[in-house]
């Protein structure tokens, strides 16, 4: 099985940015733990702060991978283009958020990704990514 985790804007600052919301662990450290835990799965990683680069990556992997785990960050709430990119690919996408977006500012309650995603996991910290990987393993 081949999965890719795609993180959007400002998620390169995990471990430094608002630790009270996002924790103090870097994503690279957490990714290493995921790769050790799921040794029989290829887990790739991509991060960009640029909307068009995220769309290009979805197009690149969207027909050949077994799954995409996408945390589009703030683009979740603003990017019709990312939503359309997900609609246009065949690889299933699980939308992930570290925080509970419904417990935050009202503008974060809207997602342009959710209507086209296989599912949504939010509010479980970094474990949200682990749960997303497990969702692909539980598919029959």
N, C-alpha and C. Protein backbone atom coordinates (compact mmCIF):
# COMPACT_ATOMS: atom_id res chain seq x y z
N UNK A 1 0.85 -1.18 0.00
CA UNK A 1 0.00 0.00 0.00
C UNK A 1 0.89 1.23 0.00
N UNK A 2 0.48 2.22 -0.80
CA UNK A 2 1.25 3.45 -0.94
C UNK A 2 0.35 4.64 -0.62
N UNK A 3 0.70 5.34 0.46
CA UNK A 3 -0.04 6.51 0.91
C UNK A 3 0.86 7.73 0.89
N UNK A 4 0.24 8.89 0.78
CA UNK A 4 0.99 10.14 0.92
C UNK A 4 0.24 11.06 1.86
N UNK A 5 0.99 11.68 2.75
CA UNK A 5 0.47 12.72 3.61
C UNK A 5 0.85 14.05 2.98
N UNK A 6 -0.14 14.88 2.75
CA UNK A 6 0.09 16.21 2.18
C UNK A 6 -0.36 17.23 3.21
N UNK A 7 0.56 18.07 3.62
CA UNK A 7 0.26 19.14 4.58
C UNK A 7 0.36 20.49 3.89
N UNK A 8 -0.56 21.36 4.24
CA UNK A 8 -0.63 22.69 3.65
C UNK A 8 0.08 23.75 4.47
N UNK A 9 -0.37 24.99 4.32
CA UNK A 9 0.35 26.15 4.84
C UNK A 9 0.52 26.13 6.36
N UNK A 10 1.70 26.55 6.75
CA UNK A 10 2.11 26.75 8.14
C UNK A 10 2.31 25.46 8.92
N UNK A 11 2.02 24.32 8.31
CA UNK A 11 2.23 23.06 9.03
C UNK A 11 3.71 22.67 9.07
N UNK A 12 4.54 23.37 8.31
CA UNK A 12 5.98 23.22 8.45
C UNK A 12 6.47 23.78 9.78
N UNK A 13 5.62 24.54 10.47
CA UNK A 13 5.99 25.14 11.75
C UNK A 13 5.54 24.32 12.96
N UNK A 14 5.02 23.12 12.71
CA UNK A 14 4.60 22.29 13.83
C UNK A 14 5.78 22.07 14.77
N UNK A 15 5.50 22.12 16.06
CA UNK A 15 6.55 22.03 17.07
C UNK A 15 6.96 23.40 17.56
N UNK A 16 6.70 24.44 16.74
CA UNK A 16 7.03 25.82 17.12
C UNK A 16 5.78 26.68 17.19
N UNK A 17 4.85 26.44 16.30
CA UNK A 17 3.66 27.28 16.13
C UNK A 17 2.57 26.90 17.13
N UNK A 18 2.12 27.84 17.90
CA UNK A 18 0.98 27.67 18.80
C UNK A 18 0.94 26.28 19.44
N UNK A 19 1.94 25.95 20.26
CA UNK A 19 1.99 24.61 20.85
C UNK A 19 0.76 24.27 21.70
N UNK A 20 0.07 25.27 22.21
CA UNK A 20 -1.14 25.00 22.98
C UNK A 20 -2.26 24.42 22.12
N UNK A 21 -2.19 24.64 20.81
CA UNK A 21 -3.17 24.08 19.87
C UNK A 21 -2.60 22.86 19.15
N UNK A 22 -1.35 22.98 18.69
CA UNK A 22 -0.77 21.97 17.80
C UNK A 22 0.26 21.06 18.45
N UNK A 23 0.60 21.30 19.70
CA UNK A 23 1.59 20.47 20.37
C UNK A 23 3.01 20.93 20.11
N UNK A 24 3.97 20.22 20.67
CA UNK A 24 5.37 20.63 20.57
C UNK A 24 6.21 19.70 19.70
N UNK A 25 5.59 18.72 19.08
CA UNK A 25 6.31 17.76 18.25
C UNK A 25 6.37 18.25 16.80
N UNK A 26 7.53 18.10 16.17
CA UNK A 26 7.62 18.43 14.75
C UNK A 26 6.92 17.35 13.94
N UNK A 27 6.48 17.71 12.74
CA UNK A 27 5.82 16.69 11.94
C UNK A 27 6.81 15.63 11.47
N UNK A 28 8.03 16.04 11.20
CA UNK A 28 9.04 15.08 10.76
C UNK A 28 9.28 14.01 11.81
N UNK A 29 9.32 14.41 13.08
CA UNK A 29 9.48 13.43 14.16
C UNK A 29 8.28 12.48 14.22
N UNK A 30 7.08 13.05 14.07
CA UNK A 30 5.89 12.21 14.10
C UNK A 30 5.84 11.29 12.89
N UNK A 31 6.24 11.78 11.74
CA UNK A 31 6.27 10.96 10.52
C UNK A 31 7.18 9.75 10.72
N UNK A 32 8.32 9.94 11.35
CA UNK A 32 9.21 8.81 11.62
C UNK A 32 8.52 7.75 12.47
N UNK A 33 7.76 8.18 13.46
CA UNK A 33 7.02 7.23 14.29
C UNK A 33 5.97 6.48 13.47
N UNK A 34 5.26 7.20 12.60
CA UNK A 34 4.26 6.55 11.74
C UNK A 34 4.91 5.52 10.83
N UNK A 35 6.04 5.88 10.24
CA UNK A 35 6.72 4.96 9.32
C UNK A 35 7.23 3.73 10.04
N UNK A 36 7.62 3.86 11.30
CA UNK A 36 8.04 2.70 12.09
C UNK A 36 6.84 1.84 12.47
N UNK A 37 5.73 2.48 12.80
CA UNK A 37 4.54 1.75 13.20
C UNK A 37 3.92 0.99 12.04
N UNK A 38 3.90 1.58 10.87
CA UNK A 38 3.26 0.99 9.69
C UNK A 38 4.34 0.59 8.68
N UNK A 39 5.18 -0.34 9.08
CA UNK A 39 6.34 -0.73 8.25
C UNK A 39 5.95 -1.37 6.93
N UNK A 40 4.76 -1.94 6.84
CA UNK A 40 4.34 -2.61 5.59
C UNK A 40 3.67 -1.65 4.61
N UNK A 41 3.64 -0.37 4.95
CA UNK A 41 3.03 0.65 4.10
C UNK A 41 4.09 1.66 3.71
N UNK A 42 4.09 2.07 2.46
CA UNK A 42 4.93 3.17 2.04
C UNK A 42 4.18 4.46 2.36
N UNK A 43 4.77 5.27 3.22
CA UNK A 43 4.16 6.56 3.59
C UNK A 43 5.11 7.66 3.15
N UNK A 44 4.67 8.41 2.14
CA UNK A 44 5.44 9.55 1.67
C UNK A 44 4.88 10.82 2.29
N UNK A 45 5.65 11.89 2.17
CA UNK A 45 5.23 13.15 2.79
C UNK A 45 5.56 14.31 1.86
N UNK A 46 4.63 15.26 1.82
CA UNK A 46 4.82 16.48 1.04
C UNK A 46 4.18 17.63 1.81
N UNK A 47 4.87 18.76 1.86
CA UNK A 47 4.33 19.96 2.50
C UNK A 47 4.60 21.16 1.61
N UNK A 48 3.61 22.04 1.50
CA UNK A 48 3.80 23.30 0.79
C UNK A 48 2.91 24.36 1.40
N UNK A 49 3.40 25.58 1.34
CA UNK A 49 2.61 26.73 1.77
C UNK A 49 1.89 27.37 0.59
N UNK A 50 2.04 26.78 -0.61
CA UNK A 50 1.53 27.37 -1.84
C UNK A 50 0.36 26.54 -2.37
N UNK A 51 -0.78 27.15 -2.54
CA UNK A 51 -1.99 26.46 -2.97
C UNK A 51 -1.80 25.70 -4.28
N UNK A 52 -1.24 26.33 -5.28
CA UNK A 52 -1.05 25.69 -6.58
C UNK A 52 -0.15 24.47 -6.51
N UNK A 53 0.86 24.51 -5.65
CA UNK A 53 1.75 23.36 -5.49
C UNK A 53 1.00 22.18 -4.87
N UNK A 54 0.08 22.46 -3.95
CA UNK A 54 -0.73 21.39 -3.35
C UNK A 54 -1.64 20.77 -4.42
N UNK A 55 -2.23 21.60 -5.26
CA UNK A 55 -3.07 21.10 -6.35
C UNK A 55 -2.24 20.26 -7.30
N UNK A 56 -1.06 20.74 -7.67
CA UNK A 56 -0.19 19.97 -8.57
C UNK A 56 0.17 18.61 -7.97
N UNK A 57 0.45 18.57 -6.68
CA UNK A 57 0.81 17.30 -6.03
C UNK A 57 -0.39 16.36 -6.03
N UNK A 58 -1.59 16.86 -5.77
CA UNK A 58 -2.79 16.02 -5.83
C UNK A 58 -2.97 15.44 -7.23
N UNK A 59 -2.75 16.25 -8.26
CA UNK A 59 -2.84 15.75 -9.64
C UNK A 59 -1.79 14.68 -9.90
N UNK A 60 -0.59 14.89 -9.38
CA UNK A 60 0.53 13.96 -9.61
C UNK A 60 0.27 12.59 -9.00
N UNK A 61 -0.29 12.56 -7.78
CA UNK A 61 -0.46 11.28 -7.07
C UNK A 61 -1.88 10.74 -7.16
N UNK A 62 -2.79 11.50 -7.70
CA UNK A 62 -4.20 11.21 -7.60
C UNK A 62 -4.76 10.09 -8.44
N UNK A 63 -3.90 9.38 -9.15
CA UNK A 63 -4.38 8.25 -9.95
C UNK A 63 -3.57 6.99 -9.71
N UNK A 64 -2.49 7.11 -8.93
CA UNK A 64 -1.58 5.98 -8.75
C UNK A 64 -1.42 5.53 -7.31
N UNK A 65 -1.76 6.37 -6.36
CA UNK A 65 -1.57 6.02 -4.95
C UNK A 65 -2.83 5.35 -4.41
N UNK A 66 -2.67 4.66 -3.30
CA UNK A 66 -3.82 4.01 -2.65
C UNK A 66 -4.60 4.98 -1.77
N UNK A 67 -3.98 6.06 -1.36
CA UNK A 67 -4.68 7.03 -0.55
C UNK A 67 -3.87 8.28 -0.31
N UNK A 68 -4.60 9.36 -0.07
CA UNK A 68 -4.03 10.65 0.29
C UNK A 68 -4.60 11.05 1.64
N UNK A 69 -3.72 11.48 2.52
CA UNK A 69 -4.13 12.06 3.79
C UNK A 69 -3.79 13.54 3.68
N UNK A 70 -4.81 14.38 3.69
CA UNK A 70 -4.62 15.80 3.39
C UNK A 70 -5.02 16.67 4.57
N UNK A 71 -4.06 17.45 5.04
CA UNK A 71 -4.32 18.54 5.97
C UNK A 71 -3.99 19.80 5.21
N UNK A 72 -5.00 20.41 4.63
CA UNK A 72 -4.78 21.59 3.79
C UNK A 72 -4.68 22.87 4.61
N UNK A 73 -4.67 22.74 5.93
CA UNK A 73 -4.56 23.92 6.79
C UNK A 73 -5.65 24.93 6.45
N UNK A 74 -5.29 26.20 6.43
CA UNK A 74 -6.27 27.25 6.18
C UNK A 74 -6.90 27.16 4.79
N UNK A 75 -6.22 26.52 3.84
CA UNK A 75 -6.82 26.37 2.50
C UNK A 75 -8.08 25.51 2.53
N UNK A 76 -8.25 24.71 3.58
CA UNK A 76 -9.47 23.92 3.74
C UNK A 76 -10.70 24.81 3.63
N UNK A 77 -10.59 26.00 4.17
CA UNK A 77 -11.74 26.89 4.32
C UNK A 77 -11.85 27.91 3.21
N UNK A 78 -10.89 27.92 2.29
CA UNK A 78 -10.87 28.97 1.26
C UNK A 78 -10.69 28.46 -0.16
N UNK A 79 -10.17 27.25 -0.34
CA UNK A 79 -9.73 26.83 -1.66
C UNK A 79 -10.73 25.94 -2.39
N UNK A 80 -11.49 26.56 -3.26
CA UNK A 80 -12.36 25.80 -4.17
C UNK A 80 -11.49 24.97 -5.10
N UNK A 81 -10.32 25.49 -5.46
CA UNK A 81 -9.40 24.78 -6.36
C UNK A 81 -8.93 23.46 -5.79
N UNK A 82 -8.60 23.40 -4.51
CA UNK A 82 -8.18 22.14 -3.90
C UNK A 82 -9.37 21.19 -3.83
N UNK A 83 -10.53 21.70 -3.49
CA UNK A 83 -11.74 20.86 -3.50
C UNK A 83 -12.00 20.27 -4.86
N UNK A 84 -11.85 21.08 -5.91
CA UNK A 84 -12.05 20.59 -7.27
C UNK A 84 -10.98 19.57 -7.67
N UNK A 85 -9.75 19.78 -7.21
CA UNK A 85 -8.67 18.82 -7.52
C UNK A 85 -9.00 17.45 -6.92
N UNK A 86 -9.52 17.44 -5.72
CA UNK A 86 -9.89 16.17 -5.08
C UNK A 86 -11.03 15.51 -5.84
N UNK A 87 -11.97 16.31 -6.28
CA UNK A 87 -13.10 15.79 -7.06
C UNK A 87 -12.62 15.18 -8.38
N UNK A 88 -11.52 15.70 -8.91
CA UNK A 88 -11.03 15.27 -10.22
C UNK A 88 -10.11 14.06 -10.21
N UNK A 89 -9.70 13.59 -9.05
CA UNK A 89 -8.79 12.45 -8.99
C UNK A 89 -9.54 11.20 -8.52
N UNK A 90 -8.92 10.05 -8.73
CA UNK A 90 -9.57 8.79 -8.33
C UNK A 90 -9.06 8.24 -7.00
N UNK A 91 -7.89 8.67 -6.57
CA UNK A 91 -7.35 8.22 -5.28
C UNK A 91 -8.19 8.81 -4.15
N UNK A 92 -8.64 7.97 -3.21
CA UNK A 92 -9.42 8.49 -2.09
C UNK A 92 -8.59 9.39 -1.18
N UNK A 93 -9.24 10.44 -0.68
CA UNK A 93 -8.59 11.43 0.18
C UNK A 93 -9.30 11.45 1.53
N UNK A 94 -8.51 11.40 2.61
CA UNK A 94 -9.04 11.60 3.95
C UNK A 94 -8.57 12.98 4.40
N UNK A 95 -9.52 13.82 4.77
CA UNK A 95 -9.22 15.15 5.28
C UNK A 95 -8.88 15.03 6.77
N UNK A 96 -7.78 15.65 7.16
CA UNK A 96 -7.29 15.56 8.54
C UNK A 96 -7.03 16.96 9.08
N UNK A 97 -7.35 17.14 10.36
CA UNK A 97 -6.98 18.36 11.08
C UNK A 97 -6.51 17.97 12.48
N UNK A 98 -5.47 18.61 12.92
CA UNK A 98 -4.92 18.34 14.24
C UNK A 98 -5.86 18.85 15.33
N UNK A 99 -6.39 20.04 15.12
CA UNK A 99 -7.31 20.62 16.11
C UNK A 99 -8.75 20.33 15.70
N UNK A 100 -9.66 20.54 16.64
CA UNK A 100 -11.08 20.44 16.34
C UNK A 100 -11.50 21.77 15.73
N UNK A 101 -11.59 21.82 14.42
CA UNK A 101 -11.88 23.07 13.73
C UNK A 101 -13.25 23.64 14.11
N UNK A 102 -14.17 22.78 14.56
CA UNK A 102 -15.49 23.27 14.96
C UNK A 102 -15.47 23.93 16.34
N UNK A 103 -14.39 23.77 17.06
CA UNK A 103 -14.22 24.43 18.35
C UNK A 103 -13.42 25.71 18.25
N UNK A 104 -13.15 26.12 17.02
CA UNK A 104 -12.34 27.31 16.79
C UNK A 104 -13.17 28.39 16.09
N UNK A 105 -12.53 29.34 15.45
CA UNK A 105 -13.23 30.44 14.80
C UNK A 105 -14.26 29.93 13.81
N UNK A 106 -15.34 30.68 13.64
CA UNK A 106 -16.44 30.23 12.81
C UNK A 106 -16.03 29.99 11.35
N UNK A 107 -15.10 30.78 10.83
CA UNK A 107 -14.69 30.57 9.43
C UNK A 107 -14.06 29.20 9.22
N UNK A 108 -13.56 28.58 10.29
CA UNK A 108 -12.96 27.25 10.17
C UNK A 108 -14.00 26.13 10.15
N UNK A 109 -15.27 26.45 10.28
CA UNK A 109 -16.33 25.45 10.25
C UNK A 109 -16.69 25.04 8.82
N UNK A 110 -16.26 25.80 7.82
CA UNK A 110 -16.53 25.51 6.41
C UNK A 110 -15.34 24.77 5.80
N UNK A 111 -15.61 23.72 5.06
CA UNK A 111 -14.55 22.99 4.35
C UNK A 111 -14.94 22.77 2.90
N UNK A 112 -14.04 23.14 2.00
CA UNK A 112 -14.24 22.85 0.57
C UNK A 112 -13.70 21.47 0.21
N UNK A 113 -13.08 20.80 1.17
CA UNK A 113 -12.51 19.47 0.95
C UNK A 113 -13.51 18.37 1.33
N UNK A 114 -14.19 18.55 2.45
CA UNK A 114 -15.07 17.52 3.00
C UNK A 114 -16.05 16.92 2.00
N UNK A 115 -16.72 17.71 1.16
CA UNK A 115 -17.71 17.11 0.26
C UNK A 115 -17.12 16.10 -0.73
N UNK A 116 -15.82 16.19 -0.97
CA UNK A 116 -15.17 15.30 -1.93
C UNK A 116 -14.24 14.28 -1.28
N UNK A 117 -14.18 14.29 0.05
CA UNK A 117 -13.28 13.39 0.77
C UNK A 117 -13.98 12.08 1.13
N UNK A 118 -13.16 11.05 1.29
CA UNK A 118 -13.66 9.75 1.77
C UNK A 118 -14.17 9.89 3.20
N UNK A 119 -13.53 10.75 3.98
CA UNK A 119 -13.90 10.97 5.37
C UNK A 119 -13.10 12.11 5.95
N UNK A 120 -13.45 12.50 7.17
CA UNK A 120 -12.81 13.61 7.86
C UNK A 120 -12.46 13.16 9.28
N UNK A 121 -11.22 13.45 9.69
CA UNK A 121 -10.76 13.15 11.05
C UNK A 121 -10.18 14.45 11.61
N UNK A 122 -10.71 14.88 12.74
CA UNK A 122 -10.21 16.13 13.31
C UNK A 122 -10.27 16.11 14.83
N UNK A 123 -9.34 16.85 15.41
CA UNK A 123 -9.38 17.07 16.85
C UNK A 123 -8.61 16.09 17.70
N UNK A 124 -7.88 15.17 17.10
CA UNK A 124 -7.15 14.18 17.88
C UNK A 124 -5.65 14.44 17.89
N UNK A 125 -5.26 15.68 17.66
CA UNK A 125 -3.84 16.01 17.62
C UNK A 125 -3.17 15.28 16.47
N UNK A 126 -1.89 15.00 16.64
CA UNK A 126 -1.16 14.30 15.59
C UNK A 126 -1.73 12.91 15.34
N UNK A 127 -2.40 12.33 16.32
CA UNK A 127 -2.99 11.01 16.16
C UNK A 127 -4.03 10.99 15.03
N UNK A 128 -4.51 12.15 14.62
CA UNK A 128 -5.45 12.22 13.51
C UNK A 128 -4.86 11.57 12.25
N UNK A 129 -3.56 11.73 12.04
CA UNK A 129 -2.90 11.11 10.89
C UNK A 129 -2.88 9.59 11.02
N UNK A 130 -2.58 9.10 12.21
CA UNK A 130 -2.58 7.67 12.49
C UNK A 130 -3.97 7.08 12.20
N UNK A 131 -5.01 7.76 12.66
CA UNK A 131 -6.37 7.29 12.43
C UNK A 131 -6.71 7.27 10.93
N UNK A 132 -6.21 8.25 10.21
CA UNK A 132 -6.43 8.28 8.76
C UNK A 132 -5.77 7.09 8.08
N UNK A 133 -4.55 6.77 8.47
CA UNK A 133 -3.86 5.60 7.90
C UNK A 133 -4.68 4.35 8.19
N UNK A 134 -5.13 4.22 9.43
CA UNK A 134 -5.93 3.05 9.79
C UNK A 134 -7.21 2.96 8.97
N UNK A 135 -7.78 4.08 8.58
CA UNK A 135 -9.00 4.04 7.77
C UNK A 135 -8.75 3.40 6.42
N UNK A 136 -7.56 3.53 5.89
CA UNK A 136 -7.23 2.85 4.62
C UNK A 136 -6.99 1.37 4.84
N UNK A 137 -6.48 1.00 6.00
CA UNK A 137 -6.23 -0.42 6.29
C UNK A 137 -7.52 -1.18 6.53
N UNK A 138 -8.54 -0.50 7.01
CA UNK A 138 -9.80 -1.15 7.34
C UNK A 138 -10.76 -1.27 6.16
N UNK A 139 -10.34 -0.81 4.99
CA UNK A 139 -11.17 -0.90 3.79
C UNK A 139 -11.14 -2.33 3.27
N UNK A 140 -12.29 -2.88 2.94
CA UNK A 140 -12.35 -4.24 2.43
C UNK A 140 -12.70 -4.25 0.97
